[in-house]
């Protein structure tokens, strides 16, 4: 199911506006009717009826939101990656295989750690963080990135892992 992000945003905006207008209408009606005296039993009966309808509305709204959002979550196996790069972190180094990536590649980084938890951050040649993922011993986490421009990229540790944490960086090349 391919849905453009822009059309999804418009649909969410329209739903939000509809709910907002409905709430404003309800508040205006209630405010206009609040000036007359009404028997207590009538107020409680109306309140219980409205409470049931409001609960049903919220359950429907939240339930449909949860169901619809499942289509937009990244699931393992949904990767469009054309290459896999194995990355392992250790005190205080990153190892990467292969060490060069062709420009335009959609890469899946398979990330693990040899000793303690590390946070792998990948920065583009301009120093902008492209993505991050945890590197944990005994686990393999996946980070999917697309490399559109050639240059020297940087891997850095984003989780304090020891006294030489600040030196835990590795450069790699994205080539033409």
Protein backbone atom coordinates (compact mmCIF):
# COMPACT_ATOMS: atom_id res chain seq x y z
CA UNK A 1 0.00 0.00 0.00
CA UNK A 2 1.75 3.15 -1.23
CA UNK A 3 0.36 6.40 0.20
CA UNK A 4 2.15 9.70 -0.27
CA UNK A 5 3.05 11.46 2.94
CA UNK A 6 1.44 14.73 1.79
CA UNK A 7 -1.99 13.17 1.17
CA UNK A 8 -1.85 11.47 4.57
CA UNK A 9 -1.13 14.81 6.23
CA UNK A 10 -4.09 16.41 4.43
CA UNK A 11 -6.38 13.58 5.57
CA UNK A 12 -5.25 13.97 9.19
CA UNK A 13 -5.75 17.75 8.94
CA UNK A 14 -9.28 17.30 7.56
CA UNK A 15 -10.16 14.83 10.35
CA UNK A 16 -8.78 17.22 12.95
CA UNK A 17 -10.78 20.13 11.53
CA UNK A 18 -13.96 18.01 11.48
CA UNK A 19 -13.53 16.99 15.13
CA UNK A 20 -12.73 20.58 16.12
CA UNK A 21 -15.84 21.95 14.38
CA UNK A 22 -18.01 19.27 15.98
CA UNK A 23 -16.70 20.14 19.45
CA UNK A 24 -17.19 23.88 18.88
CA UNK A 25 -20.77 23.22 17.73
CA UNK A 26 -21.49 21.12 20.82
CA UNK A 27 -20.07 23.80 23.13
CA UNK A 28 -22.14 26.54 21.44
CA UNK A 29 -25.36 24.49 21.75
CA UNK A 30 -24.65 23.71 25.42
CA UNK A 31 -23.80 27.36 26.16
CA UNK A 32 -27.08 28.60 24.60
CA UNK A 33 -29.15 26.10 26.56
CA UNK A 34 -27.43 26.72 29.89
CA UNK A 35 -29.49 29.82 30.70
CA UNK A 36 -32.74 27.94 31.47
CA UNK A 37 -33.50 25.83 34.53
CA UNK A 38 -33.70 22.09 33.94
CA UNK A 39 -34.62 19.33 36.36
CA UNK A 40 -31.71 17.39 37.87
CA UNK A 41 -32.98 14.04 36.49
CA UNK A 42 -33.05 15.44 32.96
CA UNK A 43 -29.49 16.73 33.31
CA UNK A 44 -28.15 13.38 34.59
CA UNK A 45 -30.01 11.37 31.91
CA UNK A 46 -28.64 13.65 29.18
CA UNK A 47 -25.16 13.52 30.72
CA UNK A 48 -25.12 9.72 30.83
CA UNK A 49 -26.34 9.52 27.23
CA UNK A 50 -23.70 12.00 26.06
CA UNK A 51 -21.01 10.21 28.05
CA UNK A 52 -21.80 6.89 26.31
CA UNK A 53 -21.80 8.56 22.88
CA UNK A 54 -18.53 10.38 23.65
CA UNK A 55 -16.88 7.14 24.78
CA UNK A 56 -18.04 5.34 21.62
CA UNK A 57 -16.70 8.23 19.51
CA UNK A 58 -13.31 8.20 21.25
CA UNK A 59 -12.98 4.42 21.00
CA UNK A 60 -13.82 4.59 17.28
CA UNK A 61 -11.45 7.51 16.67
CA UNK A 62 -8.52 6.10 18.64
CA UNK A 63 -9.08 2.55 17.42
CA UNK A 64 -9.13 3.63 13.77
CA UNK A 65 -6.04 5.79 14.40
CA UNK A 66 -4.14 2.82 15.79
CA UNK A 67 -5.23 0.53 12.94
CA UNK A 68 -4.40 3.10 10.25
CA UNK A 69 -1.00 3.91 11.76
CA UNK A 70 0.04 0.26 11.50
CA UNK A 71 0.33 0.73 7.72
CA UNK A 72 2.96 3.44 8.17
CA UNK A 73 5.27 1.72 10.66
CA UNK A 74 8.59 0.32 9.48
CA UNK A 75 8.64 -3.41 10.03
CA UNK A 76 11.66 -5.71 9.79
CA UNK A 77 11.83 -7.12 6.30
CA UNK A 78 10.36 -3.97 4.70
CA UNK A 79 13.85 -2.76 3.79
CA UNK A 80 14.45 -1.64 0.20
CA UNK A 81 18.20 -1.76 0.78
CA UNK A 82 20.43 -2.76 -2.11
CA UNK A 83 23.46 -3.41 0.11
CA UNK A 84 24.16 -4.55 3.67
CA UNK A 85 26.99 -3.08 5.72
CA UNK A 86 28.02 -4.94 8.86
CA UNK A 87 29.00 -2.59 11.70
CA UNK A 88 30.38 -3.62 15.07
CA UNK A 89 31.26 -1.32 17.94
CA UNK A 90 33.82 -1.96 20.64
CA UNK A 91 35.78 -0.04 23.24
CA UNK A 92 36.63 2.46 21.50
CA UNK A 93 36.32 1.69 17.80
CA UNK A 94 33.87 1.01 14.97
CA UNK A 95 34.52 -1.73 12.43
CA UNK A 96 32.65 -1.71 9.13
CA UNK A 97 32.49 -4.13 6.21
CA UNK A 98 32.59 -3.02 3.39
CA UNK A 99 34.32 0.28 4.08
CA UNK A 100 33.16 2.12 0.95
CA UNK A 101 29.62 2.64 -0.34
CA UNK A 102 28.62 3.57 -3.91
CA UNK A 103 26.70 6.84 -4.23
CA UNK A 104 22.94 6.36 -4.64
CA UNK A 105 22.93 3.16 -2.60
CA UNK A 106 20.13 2.24 -0.24
CA UNK A 107 22.10 0.64 2.57
CA UNK A 108 20.99 -1.48 5.50
CA UNK A 109 23.43 -1.22 8.40
CA UNK A 110 23.48 -4.40 10.52
CA UNK A 111 24.72 -3.03 13.85
CA UNK A 112 25.96 -4.89 16.93
CA UNK A 113 28.47 -4.43 19.74
CA UNK A 114 31.34 -6.57 20.96
CA UNK A 115 31.28 -5.37 24.56
CA UNK A 116 28.91 -2.67 25.94
CA UNK A 117 26.05 -0.56 24.59
CA UNK A 118 27.00 2.08 22.06
CA UNK A 119 24.91 4.55 20.09
CA UNK A 120 25.82 4.61 16.40
CA UNK A 121 25.26 7.98 14.74
CA UNK A 122 25.98 8.47 11.04
CA UNK A 123 26.75 12.01 9.86
CA UNK A 124 26.84 13.27 6.26
CA UNK A 125 29.79 15.32 4.88
CA UNK A 126 28.10 18.53 6.13
CA UNK A 127 27.97 17.19 9.71
CA UNK A 128 24.20 16.57 9.70
CA UNK A 129 23.00 13.48 11.59
CA UNK A 130 21.42 11.11 9.04
CA UNK A 131 20.35 8.39 11.47
CA UNK A 132 21.14 6.62 14.69
CA UNK A 133 20.66 3.17 16.19
CA UNK A 134 21.70 1.28 19.32
CA UNK A 135 24.61 -1.12 19.13
CA UNK A 136 24.10 -3.77 21.82
CA UNK A 137 26.03 -6.96 22.59
CA UNK A 138 24.15 -10.06 21.47
CA UNK A 139 21.63 -8.11 19.34
CA UNK A 140 21.58 -7.00 15.72
CA UNK A 141 19.77 -3.75 15.01
CA UNK A 142 19.08 -2.39 11.54
CA UNK A 143 19.40 1.16 10.20
CA UNK A 144 18.35 1.86 6.60
CA UNK A 145 19.83 4.94 4.91
CA UNK A 146 20.19 6.25 1.36
CA UNK A 147 23.47 7.91 0.34
CA UNK A 148 22.71 10.45 -2.41
CA UNK A 149 25.94 12.43 -2.46
CA UNK A 150 29.58 11.37 -2.50
CA UNK A 151 31.97 12.37 0.24
CA UNK A 152 33.42 11.47 3.59
CA UNK A 153 30.83 10.36 6.14
CA UNK A 154 31.38 9.93 9.87
CA UNK A 155 30.30 7.31 12.40
CA UNK A 156 30.32 8.45 16.03
CA UNK A 157 29.26 6.93 19.32
CA UNK A 158 26.23 8.71 20.80
CA UNK A 159 26.12 6.88 24.14
CA UNK A 160 28.76 7.35 26.80
CA UNK A 161 30.66 4.07 26.88
CA UNK A 162 33.87 4.85 28.74
CA UNK A 163 36.79 7.22 29.18
CA UNK A 164 37.71 7.32 25.44
CA UNK A 165 34.11 7.62 24.22
CA UNK A 166 34.96 10.93 22.53
CA UNK A 167 37.52 9.14 20.30
CA UNK A 168 35.04 6.53 19.07
CA UNK A 169 34.67 7.81 15.50
CA UNK A 170 35.21 6.31 12.08
CA UNK A 171 35.18 7.88 8.64
CA UNK A 172 34.00 6.09 5.51
CA UNK A 173 33.67 7.07 1.88
CA UNK A 174 30.69 7.23 -0.42
CA UNK A 175 32.17 7.08 -3.92
CA UNK A 176 30.92 7.82 -7.43
